[in-house]
Structure formats: C-alpha cells, structure tokens
C-alpha cells in the first residue's frame, strides 16, 4: 500500500458522532492532521481537532477550498439532518443529506481525495421486510425522508466505486447512545434521554411505546466499528453500498428494567408521538455477519455494560 500522511476533514464534527470520532482521530493521527468543521462560530475548546472551519457543506466552492488548503486525503462526512427533523424539512433534508456526498465523490474521482466515510442508517429499511435479523441484501423500502435520502446515498456510494473506483465506505448505524453529546432529533433518541432523566429526575416519559424493539449501539462501539472499517484493506470489502451493523436490540421497557437495577426508584411511562410510526417502519434486529467476516466487526458493550457506563458518567457530568 502507498504510504502518505493522512490529513482528515470531519464534517458535522460537533454532532453526536462527530465529537467523539474527532477525539479518537486526534488521538491516532495528532491534532494537526485533523480538521473539524461545523456551522458554529469557533470557540476555544469546542473541538479537540487542531483546526476548525466554519463551513456549510452545501457550499461546494468553500468545501473544495478547505480540502485544497489543508491537503485533505480522507473525509468523514457526518453532516446531515436526522430522521425526526428531516420529516419537518423534507426538501432541505434531501439537499443536505445527498448533494455534499456526491460532491465529495466527485472530488475523489478527480483524485483530490483518497478515502471517504459516509454514514447510512437502519432507516433505509422499511415496509415488507422481516422485522428480525434483517439480512445485508434485502429490498430497501424506506418510508421516511431520512431513509429515502440514505438509500439514495448508498446507491451513489456503490455507483462511484463501481464506475470510478472511488473508495467510499459506509455503515448502516442503528440508534446511537452516548453520554458525551446530546442526541440531535433522531427516532432512537429516547434511549439517550431516558438516562439523563433517570439521573436528574428519576422518571421519564418515552415517545416510543414500551414493546418496540430497535437496534442500538453504544457510541464507543460505533466509533470502533467506523475506524475498523476505514482501516480494513480495500480488497477485503465486499459491500460497497453500506454495511449492516446490528449492535444490540431492546425495547424501552427492557431498558427501563436495566436502569431500575441501578436506580431502583426510577419510573417510566409512555406517550408515543409521531416518531412511533417511524420506529414501526424499522427492523427490530439486524444481521451483521458480513461486517464481522469482512473487517472483524466486534462489540464491547451489551445493554447491562452500556447502562452502567452511561449512568456512572452522567452522574459525574450532571453534578458539575
């Protein structure tokens, strides 16, 4: 393999995944080789990256300038509008969730970039597929704006690899759970909010009904999987749309039970809202055996380990 210094750009670097991925990439590559970008004005300490660019990813000219200025080789393109928010702004969601990805693929085709990571989601699945152990190759039938944009993005990734050899890699993330950064408008956000409320008030009202199982992943495992995929030799990869990632599956009721083991007085009730219909269109569990075979996907956290770690860290964070 050719040797070069990796210079990394992360879009959406201040978001739920971006914050923690940036920290990890800085740890591995050094702060000076990592450029974070987002819509916020720069403030000291907002990111661990050595450089920060305030950048709208739909501004292609500015994006190209940043890639040229920093001699970027690898892009982690995380900027997007999530599922709940996308339903309220469908046309903007389509533009934001797709156009910048295509522009990054174009830049890679021109030789300006070597590698791209782009996250897909379990939102690509939809009506008519089995609820349990959803296989890698199933008919995608999304019912949400977010899911439609992710499905289209997957096909663009595959197209640019097949047609031009662009090395773009992707994972279908399930719901992500983290104590460091609040969630940002997704359907699985209840599984983050519930921990905050459990620690702060001892009670929570879930917007997802008690027996709805959804695939979830602890953020530490999501970051680990992302880096495992990006480090894998290109010849090992058999999927060029997006890899299934299963994580763990549980219902709000099962999660509440785990929390009660640690905070016995915790109480939960249920008032499903518009996100329930989105959750109902998603699978309950995912088959991720191809990722395990191709690039060694593995997990460190189950529901008990995750619950204990979330509560331990949030007690410290929220007491400050």
C-alpha atoms as a PDB file:
ATOM      1  CA  UNK A   1       0.000   0.000   0.000  1.00  0.00           C
ATOM      2  CA  UNK A   2       1.198   3.516  -0.769  1.00  0.00           C
ATOM      3  CA  UNK A   3       2.316   5.475   2.240  1.00  0.00           C
ATOM      4  CA  UNK A   4       1.129   9.027   2.888  1.00  0.00           C
ATOM      5  CA  UNK A   5       0.316  11.256   5.842  1.00  0.00           C
ATOM      6  CA  UNK A   6      -3.408  11.123   6.376  1.00  0.00           C
ATOM      7  CA  UNK A   7      -4.981  14.578   6.568  1.00  0.00           C
ATOM      8  CA  UNK A   8      -8.552  14.286   7.776  1.00  0.00           C
ATOM      9  CA  UNK A   9     -11.625  16.515   7.398  1.00  0.00           C
ATOM     10  CA  UNK A  10     -14.683  15.777   9.556  1.00  0.00           C
ATOM     11  CA  UNK A  11     -17.974  17.430   8.605  1.00  0.00           C
ATOM     12  CA  UNK A  12     -20.641  17.600  11.300  1.00  0.00           C
ATOM     13  CA  UNK A  13     -17.741  17.418  13.763  1.00  0.00           C
ATOM     14  CA  UNK A  14     -19.726  18.987  16.624  1.00  0.00           C
ATOM     15  CA  UNK A  15     -22.563  16.445  16.436  1.00  0.00           C
ATOM     16  CA  UNK A  16     -23.217  13.267  18.414  1.00  0.00           C
ATOM     17  CA  UNK A  17     -20.879  11.046  16.379  1.00  0.00           C
ATOM     18  CA  UNK A  18     -18.568  13.821  15.198  1.00  0.00           C
ATOM     19  CA  UNK A  19     -17.470  14.970  18.657  1.00  0.00           C
ATOM     20  CA  UNK A  20     -16.289  11.533  19.740  1.00  0.00           C
ATOM     21  CA  UNK A  21     -14.903  10.482  16.366  1.00  0.00           C
ATOM     22  CA  UNK A  22     -12.840  13.700  16.264  1.00  0.00           C
ATOM     23  CA  UNK A  23     -11.338  12.929  19.692  1.00  0.00           C
ATOM     24  CA  UNK A  24     -10.390   9.422  18.563  1.00  0.00           C
ATOM     25  CA  UNK A  25      -8.889  10.562  15.257  1.00  0.00           C
ATOM     26  CA  UNK A  26      -6.830  13.231  17.072  1.00  0.00           C
ATOM     27  CA  UNK A  27      -5.583  10.507  19.427  1.00  0.00           C
ATOM     28  CA  UNK A  28      -4.497   8.366  16.452  1.00  0.00           C
ATOM     29  CA  UNK A  29      -3.258  10.942  13.907  1.00  0.00           C
ATOM     30  CA  UNK A  30      -2.384  14.001  16.020  1.00  0.00           C
ATOM     31  CA  UNK A  31      -4.373  17.232  16.306  1.00  0.00           C
ATOM     32  CA  UNK A  32      -2.543  18.953  13.456  1.00  0.00           C
ATOM     33  CA  UNK A  33      -3.692  16.334  10.926  1.00  0.00           C
ATOM     34  CA  UNK A  34      -7.381  16.667  11.837  1.00  0.00           C
ATOM     35  CA  UNK A  35      -9.661  19.476  10.598  1.00  0.00           C
ATOM     36  CA  UNK A  36     -13.107  19.741  12.202  1.00  0.00           C
ATOM     37  CA  UNK A  37     -15.939  21.625  10.518  1.00  0.00           C
ATOM     38  CA  UNK A  38     -19.431  22.687  11.531  1.00  0.00           C
ATOM     39  CA  UNK A  39     -21.869  25.589  11.393  1.00  0.00           C
ATOM     40  CA  UNK A  40     -20.964  27.089  14.787  1.00  0.00           C
ATOM     41  CA  UNK A  41     -18.630  30.027  15.269  1.00  0.00           C
ATOM     42  CA  UNK A  42     -15.278  28.940  16.669  1.00  0.00           C
ATOM     43  CA  UNK A  43     -14.889  28.996  20.432  1.00  0.00           C
ATOM     44  CA  UNK A  44     -11.837  27.841  22.327  1.00  0.00           C
ATOM     45  CA  UNK A  45     -12.172  24.228  23.470  1.00  0.00           C
ATOM     46  CA  UNK A  46     -15.167  23.388  21.221  1.00  0.00           C
ATOM     47  CA  UNK A  47     -13.192  20.643  19.437  1.00  0.00           C
ATOM     48  CA  UNK A  48     -10.027  18.642  20.057  1.00  0.00           C
ATOM     49  CA  UNK A  49      -9.038  18.960  16.372  1.00  0.00           C
ATOM     50  CA  UNK A  50      -6.028  21.129  15.566  1.00  0.00           C
ATOM     51  CA  UNK A  51      -8.045  23.175  13.066  1.00  0.00           C
ATOM     52  CA  UNK A  52     -11.683  24.262  12.807  1.00  0.00           C
ATOM     53  CA  UNK A  53     -13.502  25.613   9.763  1.00  0.00           C
ATOM     54  CA  UNK A  54     -16.962  27.138   9.975  1.00  0.00           C
ATOM     55  CA  UNK A  55     -18.423  25.615   6.851  1.00  0.00           C
ATOM     56  CA  UNK A  56     -21.773  24.895   5.226  1.00  0.00           C
ATOM     57  CA  UNK A  57     -21.238  21.567   3.429  1.00  0.00           C
ATOM     58  CA  UNK A  58     -23.667  22.575   0.679  1.00  0.00           C
ATOM     59  CA  UNK A  59     -21.237  25.381  -0.289  1.00  0.00           C
ATOM     60  CA  UNK A  60     -19.187  23.286  -2.722  1.00  0.00           C
ATOM     61  CA  UNK A  61     -16.722  26.061  -3.555  1.00  0.00           C
ATOM     62  CA  UNK A  62     -15.827  26.564   0.118  1.00  0.00           C
ATOM     63  CA  UNK A  63     -15.557  22.798   0.724  1.00  0.00           C
ATOM     64  CA  UNK A  64     -13.141  22.472  -2.221  1.00  0.00           C
ATOM     65  CA  UNK A  65     -11.089  25.374  -0.879  1.00  0.00           C
ATOM     66  CA  UNK A  66     -10.791  23.754   2.566  1.00  0.00           C
ATOM     67  CA  UNK A  67      -9.772  20.404   1.030  1.00  0.00           C
ATOM     68  CA  UNK A  68      -7.123  22.165  -1.059  1.00  0.00           C
ATOM     69  CA  UNK A  69      -5.823  24.435   1.771  1.00  0.00           C
ATOM     70  CA  UNK A  70      -5.278  21.556   4.200  1.00  0.00           C
ATOM     71  CA  UNK A  71      -4.310  18.944   1.557  1.00  0.00           C
ATOM     72  CA  UNK A  72      -7.069  16.659   2.886  1.00  0.00           C
ATOM     73  CA  UNK A  73      -6.781  12.955   1.963  1.00  0.00           C
ATOM     74  CA  UNK A  74      -9.689  11.477   3.961  1.00  0.00           C
ATOM     75  CA  UNK A  75     -13.167  12.841   4.666  1.00  0.00           C
ATOM     76  CA  UNK A  76     -15.522  11.622   7.382  1.00  0.00           C
ATOM     77  CA  UNK A  77     -18.716  13.202   6.076  1.00  0.00           C
ATOM     78  CA  UNK A  78     -21.138  13.171   9.000  1.00  0.00           C
ATOM     79  CA  UNK A  79     -23.147  16.359   8.427  1.00  0.00           C
ATOM     80  CA  UNK A  80     -26.826  15.520   7.903  1.00  0.00           C
ATOM     81  CA  UNK A  81     -30.366  16.188   9.070  1.00  0.00           C
ATOM     82  CA  UNK A  82     -31.609  13.312  11.257  1.00  0.00           C
ATOM     83  CA  UNK A  83     -34.855  11.348  10.956  1.00  0.00           C
ATOM     84  CA  UNK A  84     -37.232  13.328  13.197  1.00  0.00           C
ATOM     85  CA  UNK A  85     -36.006  16.717  11.930  1.00  0.00           C
ATOM     86  CA  UNK A  86     -35.963  15.613   8.275  1.00  0.00           C
ATOM     87  CA  UNK A  87     -39.713  14.919   8.371  1.00  0.00           C
ATOM     88  CA  UNK A  88     -40.281  18.604   9.207  1.00  0.00           C
ATOM     89  CA  UNK A  89     -37.988  19.913   6.423  1.00  0.00           C
ATOM     90  CA  UNK A  90     -38.092  17.278   3.661  1.00  0.00           C
ATOM     91  CA  UNK A  91     -36.677  19.276   0.742  1.00  0.00           C
ATOM     92  CA  UNK A  92     -33.837  20.729   2.773  1.00  0.00           C
ATOM     93  CA  UNK A  93     -33.106  17.247   4.203  1.00  0.00           C
ATOM     94  CA  UNK A  94     -32.843  15.801   0.685  1.00  0.00           C
ATOM     95  CA  UNK A  95     -30.422  18.555  -0.379  1.00  0.00           C
ATOM     96  CA  UNK A  96     -28.232  18.383   2.753  1.00  0.00           C
ATOM     97  CA  UNK A  97     -28.190  14.589   3.046  1.00  0.00           C
ATOM     98  CA  UNK A  98     -27.244  13.915  -0.583  1.00  0.00           C
ATOM     99  CA  UNK A  99     -25.645  16.716  -2.563  1.00  0.00           C
ATOM    100  CA  UNK A 100     -22.456  17.129  -0.471  1.00  0.00           C
ATOM    101  CA  UNK A 101     -21.860  13.349  -0.572  1.00  0.00           C
ATOM    102  CA  UNK A 102     -21.982  13.408  -4.383  1.00  0.00           C
ATOM    103  CA  UNK A 103     -19.598  16.379  -4.456  1.00  0.00           C
ATOM    104  CA  UNK A 104     -17.108  14.550  -2.188  1.00  0.00           C
ATOM    105  CA  UNK A 105     -17.330  11.514  -4.502  1.00  0.00           C
ATOM    106  CA  UNK A 106     -16.657  13.817  -7.469  1.00  0.00           C
ATOM    107  CA  UNK A 107     -13.573  15.217  -5.712  1.00  0.00           C
ATOM    108  CA  UNK A 108     -12.312  11.670  -5.054  1.00  0.00           C
ATOM    109  CA  UNK A 109     -12.962  10.787  -8.707  1.00  0.00           C
ATOM    110  CA  UNK A 110     -10.794  13.786  -9.673  1.00  0.00           C
ATOM    111  CA  UNK A 111      -8.019  12.489  -7.386  1.00  0.00           C
ATOM    112  CA  UNK A 112      -8.396  15.232  -4.749  1.00  0.00           C
ATOM    113  CA  UNK A 113      -9.344  12.705  -2.011  1.00  0.00           C
ATOM    114  CA  UNK A 114      -8.244   9.144  -1.314  1.00  0.00           C
ATOM    115  CA  UNK A 115     -10.971   7.899   1.027  1.00  0.00           C
ATOM    116  CA  UNK A 116     -14.465   8.891   2.205  1.00  0.00           C
ATOM    117  CA  UNK A 117     -16.568   7.649   5.108  1.00  0.00           C
ATOM    118  CA  UNK A 118     -20.303   8.310   4.953  1.00  0.00           C
ATOM    119  CA  UNK A 119     -22.846   7.029   7.490  1.00  0.00           C
ATOM    120  CA  UNK A 120     -26.041   5.342   6.387  1.00  0.00           C
ATOM    121  CA  UNK A 121     -28.748   4.156   8.777  1.00  0.00           C
ATOM    122  CA  UNK A 122     -31.237   1.425   9.601  1.00  0.00           C
ATOM    123  CA  UNK A 123     -33.779   3.966   8.278  1.00  0.00           C
ATOM    124  CA  UNK A 124     -33.095   2.534   4.778  1.00  0.00           C
ATOM    125  CA  UNK A 125     -35.198  -0.498   5.690  1.00  0.00           C
ATOM    126  CA  UNK A 126     -38.960  -0.196   5.563  1.00  0.00           C
ATOM    127  CA  UNK A 127     -42.214  -1.919   4.782  1.00  0.00           C
ATOM    128  CA  UNK A 128     -42.352  -5.528   3.714  1.00  0.00           C
ATOM    129  CA  UNK A 129     -39.069  -6.791   5.142  1.00  0.00           C
ATOM    130  CA  UNK A 130     -38.831  -9.195   8.078  1.00  0.00           C
ATOM    131  CA  UNK A 131     -38.592  -7.409  11.444  1.00  0.00           C
ATOM    132  CA  UNK A 132     -35.904  -9.693  12.879  1.00  0.00           C
ATOM    133  CA  UNK A 133     -32.339 -10.479  11.765  1.00  0.00           C
ATOM    134  CA  UNK A 134     -32.607  -8.336   8.656  1.00  0.00           C
ATOM    135  CA  UNK A 135     -30.038  -9.549   6.130  1.00  0.00           C
ATOM    136  CA  UNK A 136     -27.449  -7.401   4.337  1.00  0.00           C
ATOM    137  CA  UNK A 137     -29.083  -7.768   0.928  1.00  0.00           C
ATOM    138  CA  UNK A 138     -32.791  -7.036   1.270  1.00  0.00           C
ATOM    139  CA  UNK A 139     -35.106  -4.846  -0.759  1.00  0.00           C
ATOM    140  CA  UNK A 140     -34.877  -1.354   0.714  1.00  0.00           C
ATOM    141  CA  UNK A 141     -38.259   0.276   1.099  1.00  0.00           C
ATOM    142  CA  UNK A 142     -37.881   3.342   3.355  1.00  0.00           C
ATOM    143  CA  UNK A 143     -40.926   5.392   4.331  1.00  0.00           C
ATOM    144  CA  UNK A 144     -39.195   8.498   5.719  1.00  0.00           C
ATOM    145  CA  UNK A 145     -37.358  11.370   4.053  1.00  0.00           C
ATOM    146  CA  UNK A 146     -34.241  10.457   6.025  1.00  0.00           C
ATOM    147  CA  UNK A 147     -34.443   6.804   4.955  1.00  0.00           C
ATOM    148  CA  UNK A 148     -35.028   7.735   1.299  1.00  0.00           C
ATOM    149  CA  UNK A 149     -32.005  10.062   1.298  1.00  0.00           C
ATOM    150  CA  UNK A 150     -29.819   7.390   2.945  1.00  0.00           C
ATOM    151  CA  UNK A 151     -30.951   4.730   0.464  1.00  0.00           C
ATOM    152  CA  UNK A 152     -30.099   7.042  -2.444  1.00  0.00           C
ATOM    153  CA  UNK A 153     -26.740   7.862  -0.827  1.00  0.00           C
ATOM    154  CA  UNK A 154     -25.880   4.169  -0.553  1.00  0.00           C
ATOM    155  CA  UNK A 155     -26.531   3.712  -4.259  1.00  0.00           C
ATOM    156  CA  UNK A 156     -24.355   6.730  -5.101  1.00  0.00           C
ATOM    157  CA  UNK A 157     -21.518   5.259  -2.984  1.00  0.00           C
ATOM    158  CA  UNK A 158     -21.798   1.959  -4.847  1.00  0.00           C
ATOM    159  CA  UNK A 159     -22.025   3.725  -8.207  1.00  0.00           C
ATOM    160  CA  UNK A 160     -18.890   5.818  -7.662  1.00  0.00           C
ATOM    161  CA  UNK A 161     -16.925   2.743  -6.561  1.00  0.00           C
ATOM    162  CA  UNK A 162     -18.135   0.532  -9.428  1.00  0.00           C
ATOM    163  CA  UNK A 163     -17.756   3.201 -12.101  1.00  0.00           C
ATOM    164  CA  UNK A 164     -14.716   5.190 -10.965  1.00  0.00           C
ATOM    165  CA  UNK A 165     -13.044   3.154  -8.192  1.00  0.00           C
ATOM    166  CA  UNK A 166     -13.821   5.825  -5.571  1.00  0.00           C
ATOM    167  CA  UNK A 167     -13.004   4.396  -2.124  1.00  0.00           C
ATOM    168  CA  UNK A 168     -16.115   5.419  -0.200  1.00  0.00           C
ATOM    169  CA  UNK A 169     -17.079   3.289   2.815  1.00  0.00           C
ATOM    170  CA  UNK A 170     -20.299   3.211   4.780  1.00  0.00           C
ATOM    171  CA  UNK A 171     -22.085   1.688   7.778  1.00  0.00           C
ATOM    172  CA  UNK A 172     -25.825   1.471   8.461  1.00  0.00           C
ATOM    173  CA  UNK A 173     -25.773   2.787  12.006  1.00  0.00           C
ATOM    174  CA  UNK A 174     -28.531   1.704  14.356  1.00  0.00           C
ATOM    175  CA  UNK A 175     -29.628   4.072  17.157  1.00  0.00           C
ATOM    176  CA  UNK A 176     -26.564   5.539  18.855  1.00  0.00           C
ATOM    177  CA  UNK A 177     -26.269   6.065  22.598  1.00  0.00           C
ATOM    178  CA  UNK A 178     -23.756   8.437  24.169  1.00  0.00           C
ATOM    179  CA  UNK A 179     -23.379  10.392  27.408  1.00  0.00           C
ATOM    180  CA  UNK A 180     -20.984  12.984  25.969  1.00  0.00           C
ATOM    181  CA  UNK A 181     -23.165  14.760  23.400  1.00  0.00           C
ATOM    182  CA  UNK A 182     -26.971  15.047  23.454  1.00  0.00           C
ATOM    183  CA  UNK A 183     -28.826  13.399  20.563  1.00  0.00           C
ATOM    184  CA  UNK A 184     -29.999  15.579  17.702  1.00  0.00           C
ATOM    185  CA  UNK A 185     -33.514  14.768  16.513  1.00  0.00           C
ATOM    186  CA  UNK A 186     -33.473  11.046  15.837  1.00  0.00           C
ATOM    187  CA  UNK A 187     -36.139   8.415  16.449  1.00  0.00           C
ATOM    188  CA  UNK A 188     -33.897   6.412  18.791  1.00  0.00           C
ATOM    189  CA  UNK A 189     -33.156   9.480  20.966  1.00  0.00           C
ATOM    190  CA  UNK A 190     -35.355   8.128  23.750  1.00  0.00           C
ATOM    191  CA  UNK A 191     -32.525   5.739  24.628  1.00  0.00           C
ATOM    192  CA  UNK A 192     -30.269   8.730  25.374  1.00  0.00           C
ATOM    193  CA  UNK A 193     -32.888  10.969  27.016  1.00  0.00           C
ATOM    194  CA  UNK A 194     -34.006   8.194  29.365  1.00  0.00           C
ATOM    195  CA  UNK A 195     -30.583   8.116  31.062  1.00  0.00           C
ATOM    196  CA  UNK A 196     -30.424  11.896  31.512  1.00  0.00           C
ATOM    197  CA  UNK A 197     -33.920  11.915  33.058  1.00  0.00           C
ATOM    198  CA  UNK A 198     -33.210   8.854  35.208  1.00  0.00           C
ATOM    199  CA  UNK A 199     -30.190  10.562  36.759  1.00  0.00           C
ATOM    200  CA  UNK A 200     -31.740  14.040  37.027  1.00  0.00           C
ATOM    201  CA  UNK A 201     -35.383  13.399  37.976  1.00  0.00           C
ATOM    202  CA  UNK A 202     -35.819   9.635  38.423  1.00  0.00           C
ATOM    203  CA  UNK A 203     -38.649   9.477  35.885  1.00  0.00           C
ATOM    204  CA  UNK A 204     -39.112   9.557  32.110  1.00  0.00           C
ATOM    205  CA  UNK A 205     -41.937   9.696  29.558  1.00  0.00           C
ATOM    206  CA  UNK A 206     -40.987   7.700  26.462  1.00  0.00           C
ATOM    207  CA  UNK A 207     -42.158   8.815  23.000  1.00  0.00           C
ATOM    208  CA  UNK A 208     -41.727   5.179  21.848  1.00  0.00           C
ATOM    209  CA  UNK A 209     -44.157   2.501  23.097  1.00  0.00           C
ATOM    210  CA  UNK A 210     -42.914   0.016  25.700  1.00  0.00           C
ATOM    211  CA  UNK A 211     -42.603  -3.082  23.478  1.00  0.00           C
ATOM    212  CA  UNK A 212     -40.986  -1.526  20.386  1.00  0.00           C
ATOM    213  CA  UNK A 213     -37.571  -3.143  19.898  1.00  0.00           C
ATOM    214  CA  UNK A 214     -34.968  -1.254  17.874  1.00  0.00           C
ATOM    215  CA  UNK A 215     -31.294  -1.964  17.178  1.00  0.00           C
ATOM    216  CA  UNK A 216     -28.958   0.247  19.238  1.00  0.00           C
ATOM    217  CA  UNK A 217     -25.226   0.728  19.594  1.00  0.00           C
ATOM    218  CA  UNK A 218     -23.134   2.316  22.319  1.00  0.00           C
ATOM    219  CA  UNK A 219     -21.053   5.181  20.922  1.00  0.00           C
ATOM    220  CA  UNK A 220     -17.723   3.561  21.893  1.00  0.00           C
ATOM    221  CA  UNK A 221     -18.638   0.579  19.696  1.00  0.00           C
ATOM    222  CA  UNK A 222     -19.844   2.845  16.857  1.00  0.00           C
ATOM    223  CA  UNK A 223     -16.520   4.711  16.768  1.00  0.00           C
ATOM    224  CA  UNK A 224     -14.581   1.436  16.998  1.00  0.00           C
ATOM    225  CA  UNK A 225     -16.566  -0.058  14.080  1.00  0.00           C
ATOM    226  CA  UNK A 226     -16.086   3.077  11.952  1.00  0.00           C
ATOM    227  CA  UNK A 227     -12.308   3.000  12.418  1.00  0.00           C
ATOM    228  CA  UNK A 228     -12.168  -0.786  11.860  1.00  0.00           C
ATOM    229  CA  UNK A 229     -13.946  -0.337   8.526  1.00  0.00           C
ATOM    230  CA  UNK A 230     -11.744   2.590   7.453  1.00  0.00           C
ATOM    231  CA  UNK A 231      -8.566   0.651   8.355  1.00  0.00           C
ATOM    232  CA  UNK A 232      -9.601  -2.520   6.500  1.00  0.00           C
ATOM    233  CA  UNK A 233      -7.676  -3.389   3.300  1.00  0.00           C
ATOM    234  CA  UNK A 234      -9.766  -2.406   0.304  1.00  0.00           C
ATOM    235  CA  UNK A 235      -9.643  -5.926  -1.152  1.00  0.00           C
ATOM    236  CA  UNK A 236     -11.427  -7.342   1.944  1.00  0.00           C
ATOM    237  CA  UNK A 237     -14.556  -5.252   1.385  1.00  0.00           C
ATOM    238  CA  UNK A 238     -17.408  -6.996  -0.420  1.00  0.00           C
ATOM    239  CA  UNK A 239     -20.122  -4.403   0.287  1.00  0.00           C
ATOM    240  CA  UNK A 240     -19.884  -1.036  -1.427  1.00  0.00           C
ATOM    241  CA  UNK A 241     -23.331   0.318  -0.591  1.00  0.00           C
ATOM    242  CA  UNK A 242     -23.323   0.205   3.242  1.00  0.00           C
ATOM    243  CA  UNK A 243     -22.586  -2.488   5.828  1.00  0.00           C
ATOM    244  CA  UNK A 244     -25.259  -3.727   8.230  1.00  0.00           C
ATOM    245  CA  UNK A 245     -24.440  -3.035  11.873  1.00  0.00           C
ATOM    246  CA  UNK A 246     -26.631  -4.769  14.441  1.00  0.00           C
ATOM    247  CA  UNK A 247     -25.370  -3.764  17.865  1.00  0.00           C
ATOM    248  CA  UNK A 248     -27.950  -4.790  20.488  1.00  0.00           C
ATOM    249  CA  UNK A 249     -31.749  -4.792  20.307  1.00  0.00           C
ATOM    250  CA  UNK A 250     -34.040  -3.852  23.197  1.00  0.00           C
ATOM    251  CA  UNK A 251     -37.376  -2.209  23.989  1.00  0.00           C
ATOM    252  CA  UNK A 252     -37.945   0.882  26.197  1.00  0.00           C
ATOM    253  CA  UNK A 253     -39.397  -1.491  28.808  1.00  0.00           C
ATOM    254  CA  UNK A 254     -36.232  -3.653  28.821  1.00  0.00           C
ATOM    255  CA  UNK A 255     -34.009  -0.571  29.039  1.00  0.00           C
ATOM    256  CA  UNK A 256     -36.067   0.823  31.935  1.00  0.00           C
ATOM    257  CA  UNK A 257     -35.633  -2.502  33.727  1.00  0.00           C
ATOM    258  CA  UNK A 258     -31.821  -2.269  33.356  1.00  0.00           C
ATOM    259  CA  UNK A 259     -31.892   1.285  34.736  1.00  0.00           C
ATOM    260  CA  UNK A 260     -34.027   0.161  37.704  1.00  0.00           C
ATOM    261  CA  UNK A 261     -31.273  -2.330  38.586  1.00  0.00           C
ATOM    262  CA  UNK A 262     -29.002   0.673  39.177  1.00  0.00           C
ATOM    263  CA  UNK A 263     -31.582   3.335  40.197  1.00  0.00           C
ATOM    264  CA  UNK A 264     -34.366   1.301  41.895  1.00  0.00           C
ATOM    265  CA  UNK A 265     -36.743   4.275  42.298  1.00  0.00           C
ATOM    266  CA  UNK A 266     -36.739   5.042  38.543  1.00  0.00           C
ATOM    267  CA  UNK A 267     -40.218   5.315  36.933  1.00  0.00           C
ATOM    268  CA  UNK A 268     -41.248   5.316  33.276  1.00  0.00           C
ATOM    269  CA  UNK A 269     -44.476   5.988  31.382  1.00  0.00           C
ATOM    270  CA  UNK A 270     -45.266   6.030  27.661  1.00  0.00           C
ATOM    271  CA  UNK A 271     -46.773   8.656  25.353  1.00  0.00           C
ATOM    272  CA  UNK A 272     -45.874   7.683  21.770  1.00  0.00           C
ATOM    273  CA  UNK A 273     -45.663  10.605  19.296  1.00  0.00           C
ATOM    274  CA  UNK A 274     -45.054  10.893  15.505  1.00  0.00           C
ATOM    275  CA  UNK A 275     -41.715   9.091  15.908  1.00  0.00           C
ATOM    276  CA  UNK A 276     -43.560   5.866  16.805  1.00  0.00           C
ATOM    277  CA  UNK A 277     -44.633   5.449  13.158  1.00  0.00           C
ATOM    278  CA  UNK A 278     -41.002   5.868  12.079  1.00  0.00           C
ATOM    279  CA  UNK A 279     -39.865   3.272  14.648  1.00  0.00           C
ATOM    280  CA  UNK A 280     -42.570   0.854  13.457  1.00  0.00           C
ATOM    281  CA  UNK A 281     -41.124   1.007   9.940  1.00  0.00           C
ATOM    282  CA  UNK A 282     -37.670  -0.046  11.151  1.00  0.00           C
ATOM    283  CA  UNK A 283     -36.332  -3.538  11.910  1.00  0.00           C
ATOM    284  CA  UNK A 284     -36.139  -4.952  15.448  1.00  0.00           C
ATOM    285  CA  UNK A 285     -32.770  -6.644  14.892  1.00  0.00           C
ATOM    286  CA  UNK A 286     -30.082  -6.770  12.201  1.00  0.00           C
ATOM    287  CA  UNK A 287     -27.803  -9.486  10.809  1.00  0.00           C
ATOM    288  CA  UNK A 288     -24.271  -8.034  10.664  1.00  0.00           C
ATOM    289  CA  UNK A 289     -22.369 -11.249   9.913  1.00  0.00           C
ATOM    290  CA  UNK A 290     -20.831  -9.871   6.674  1.00  0.00           C
ATOM    291  CA  UNK A 291     -19.165  -6.976   8.525  1.00  0.00           C
ATOM    292  CA  UNK A 292     -17.840  -9.476  11.073  1.00  0.00           C
ATOM    293  CA  UNK A 293     -16.403 -11.611   8.265  1.00  0.00           C
ATOM    294  CA  UNK A 294     -15.036  -8.807   6.034  1.00  0.00           C
ATOM    295  CA  UNK A 295     -13.415  -6.490   8.575  1.00  0.00           C
ATOM    296  CA  UNK A 296     -13.678  -8.054  12.019  1.00  0.00           C
ATOM    297  CA  UNK A 297     -16.606  -6.103  13.489  1.00  0.00           C
ATOM    298  CA  UNK A 298     -16.917  -6.775  17.226  1.00  0.00           C
ATOM    299  CA  UNK A 299     -18.672  -5.149  20.193  1.00  0.00           C
ATOM    300  CA  UNK A 300     -17.546  -4.369  23.730  1.00  0.00           C
ATOM    301  CA  UNK A 301     -20.905  -3.253  25.199  1.00  0.00           C
ATOM    302  CA  UNK A 302     -24.201  -5.058  25.790  1.00  0.00           C
ATOM    303  CA  UNK A 303     -27.268  -3.452  27.416  1.00  0.00           C
ATOM    304  CA  UNK A 304     -26.013  -4.007  31.008  1.00  0.00           C
ATOM    305  CA  UNK A 305     -22.474  -2.701  30.383  1.00  0.00           C
ATOM    306  CA  UNK A 306     -23.849   0.283  28.470  1.00  0.00           C
ATOM    307  CA  UNK A 307     -26.425   1.176  31.158  1.00  0.00           C
ATOM    308  CA  UNK A 308     -23.825   1.027  33.918  1.00  0.00           C
ATOM    309  CA  UNK A 309     -21.349   3.156  31.935  1.00  0.00           C
ATOM    310  CA  UNK A 310     -23.996   5.753  30.934  1.00  0.00           C
ATOM    311  CA  UNK A 311     -25.254   6.244  34.489  1.00  0.00           C
ATOM    312  CA  UNK A 312     -21.769   6.343  36.012  1.00  0.00           C
ATOM    313  CA  UNK A 313     -20.602   9.030  33.554  1.00  0.00           C
ATOM    314  CA  UNK A 314     -23.806  11.078  33.589  1.00  0.00           C
ATOM    315  CA  UNK A 315     -23.795  11.267  37.407  1.00  0.00           C
ATOM    316  CA  UNK A 316     -20.373  12.923  37.165  1.00  0.00           C
ATOM    317  CA  UNK A 317     -21.287  15.125  34.181  1.00  0.00           C
ATOM    318  CA  UNK A 318     -24.613  16.357  35.572  1.00  0.00           C
ATOM    319  CA  UNK A 319     -23.277  17.089  39.050  1.00  0.00           C
ATOM    320  CA  UNK A 320     -20.867  19.714  37.715  1.00  0.00           C
END
